[in-house]
Structure formats: C-alpha cells, structure tokens
C-alpha cells in the first residue's frame, strides 16, 4: 500500500523495473480517496510480481507513474527458498503437501 500515490491510474500507466528486468504490475487499486483539502490520507494498493532470480541478495525496485516527480525506489531483499524435499529427506521424513496447502 502506498501513501499519496497518484490516483485513478490505469494498470498500464504504472511501470516497475528491477535493474534491467521488467516487473509485472498485477493490480493498481485506490483504497482511500481524500477531499482536496485533506493532507496525507490517500492510499493506493499496487501489487507487483517480481521476476525470478537465480541468486539471493539486495535488489532495487523502481516504480514510475504519471504524476510522480521521480520514480519511487524500494530496497528488496531476496532470500534462498527452502527446499522442503531435501530438508525432509535429511530427517527421513516426507513432505506433508496437504498440510502446506491448508
């Protein structure tokens, strides 16, 4: 959720990148719309789908939209995913997939 993000934008108007990679903008939805004399109360939900990465580490995400004076910058930390098959095999157990889905 972003505060004071430009409101009323079409999905195609919001552009997100991570380095040279494009980031998919999944949803842009105005959550709170304020009166013209209100200060710091508008909220917009922007849902992104970042690209898969081969290695963990810190990355920078940029979000651009009409009405922003400059792209917004976010630091994101990627962690290694847990390999449940290997973890359970090392403990001589099976992955309970049904429990994971519940």
Protein backbone atom coordinates (compact mmCIF):
# COMPACT_ATOMS: atom_id res chain seq x y z
CA UNK A 1 0.00 0.00 0.00
CA UNK A 2 1.39 3.38 -0.99
CA UNK A 3 0.52 6.73 0.53
CA UNK A 4 -0.30 9.68 -1.72
CA UNK A 5 0.36 7.70 -4.93
CA UNK A 6 -1.33 9.25 -7.99
CA UNK A 7 -4.94 8.05 -8.06
CA UNK A 8 -7.20 6.91 -10.87
CA UNK A 9 -4.38 5.36 -12.91
CA UNK A 10 -4.87 2.53 -15.36
CA UNK A 11 -2.82 -0.60 -14.81
CA UNK A 12 -0.78 0.15 -17.93
CA UNK A 13 0.22 3.58 -16.59
CA UNK A 14 2.27 2.14 -13.73
CA UNK A 15 5.71 0.82 -14.71
CA UNK A 16 8.01 -1.13 -12.41
CA UNK A 17 11.56 -2.29 -13.06
CA UNK A 18 14.27 -4.09 -11.15
CA UNK A 19 17.58 -3.37 -12.80
CA UNK A 20 17.16 -4.30 -16.47
CA UNK A 21 14.20 -6.59 -15.68
CA UNK A 22 10.58 -5.53 -16.10
CA UNK A 23 8.35 -6.22 -13.12
CA UNK A 24 4.74 -7.19 -13.83
CA UNK A 25 2.17 -4.78 -12.41
CA UNK A 26 -0.71 -7.06 -11.37
CA UNK A 27 -3.09 -4.56 -9.76
CA UNK A 28 -3.49 -0.84 -9.07
CA UNK A 29 -6.44 -0.01 -6.81
CA UNK A 30 -7.30 3.19 -4.97
CA UNK A 31 -8.14 2.25 -1.37
CA UNK A 32 -8.73 5.67 0.20
CA UNK A 33 -9.65 8.85 -1.70
CA UNK A 34 -9.50 12.13 0.20
CA UNK A 35 -11.09 15.53 -0.23
CA UNK A 36 -9.00 18.20 -1.93
CA UNK A 37 -8.20 19.95 1.37
CA UNK A 38 -7.09 16.76 3.20
CA UNK A 39 -3.41 16.10 3.81
CA UNK A 40 -1.61 12.74 3.60
CA UNK A 41 -4.57 10.39 3.59
CA UNK A 42 -4.83 8.82 0.11
CA UNK A 43 -3.81 5.17 -0.12
CA UNK A 44 -3.29 3.04 -3.22
CA UNK A 45 -2.65 -0.68 -3.42
CA UNK A 46 -0.05 -1.57 -6.06
CA UNK A 47 0.54 -5.31 -6.48
CA UNK A 48 3.69 -6.39 -8.31
CA UNK A 49 5.07 -9.74 -9.48
CA UNK A 50 8.86 -9.58 -9.43
CA UNK A 51 10.96 -11.73 -11.76
CA UNK A 52 12.51 -14.98 -10.55
CA UNK A 53 16.13 -14.58 -9.55
CA UNK A 54 18.94 -17.12 -9.60
CA UNK A 55 20.69 -15.75 -6.53
CA UNK A 56 19.66 -14.11 -3.25
CA UNK A 57 20.66 -10.61 -2.21
CA UNK A 58 19.57 -6.99 -2.11
CA UNK A 59 17.89 -5.53 -5.19
CA UNK A 60 16.39 -2.13 -6.01
CA UNK A 61 12.85 -1.78 -7.36
CA UNK A 62 11.73 1.36 -9.22
CA UNK A 63 8.06 2.32 -9.70
CA UNK A 64 7.10 5.08 -12.15
CA UNK A 65 3.69 6.59 -12.84
CA UNK A 66 2.24 9.80 -14.30
CA UNK A 67 2.06 12.42 -11.58
CA UNK A 68 5.19 11.27 -9.75
CA UNK A 69 8.05 13.77 -9.90
CA UNK A 70 10.58 10.89 -9.92
CA UNK A 71 10.41 7.09 -9.75
CA UNK A 72 9.80 5.63 -6.30
CA UNK A 73 12.70 3.49 -5.10
CA UNK A 74 12.38 0.44 -2.84
CA UNK A 75 15.08 -1.86 -1.50
CA UNK A 76 14.12 -5.55 -1.58
CA UNK A 77 15.99 -8.46 -0.02
CA UNK A 78 15.68 -11.85 -1.69
CA UNK A 79 16.32 -14.94 0.42
CA UNK A 80 17.06 -18.50 -0.69
CA UNK A 81 13.93 -20.62 -0.87
CA UNK A 82 13.65 -23.60 1.45
CA UNK A 83 13.93 -26.97 -0.31
CA UNK A 84 11.38 -28.99 1.66
CA UNK A 85 12.20 -32.22 -0.18
CA UNK A 86 15.86 -32.04 0.81
CA UNK A 87 15.10 -30.89 4.36
CA UNK A 88 12.60 -33.69 4.96
CA UNK A 89 14.80 -36.31 3.29
CA UNK A 90 17.71 -35.35 5.57
CA UNK A 91 15.42 -36.00 8.54
CA UNK A 92 14.00 -39.17 6.97
CA UNK A 93 10.52 -37.72 6.69
CA UNK A 94 8.03 -36.99 3.92
CA UNK A 95 6.66 -33.58 2.95
CA UNK A 96 3.02 -33.22 4.03
CA UNK A 97 1.78 -31.32 0.94
CA UNK A 98 -1.85 -31.38 2.10
CA UNK A 99 -0.91 -29.58 5.31
CA UNK A 100 1.07 -26.99 3.33
CA UNK A 101 -1.97 -26.19 1.20
CA UNK A 102 -4.36 -25.81 4.15
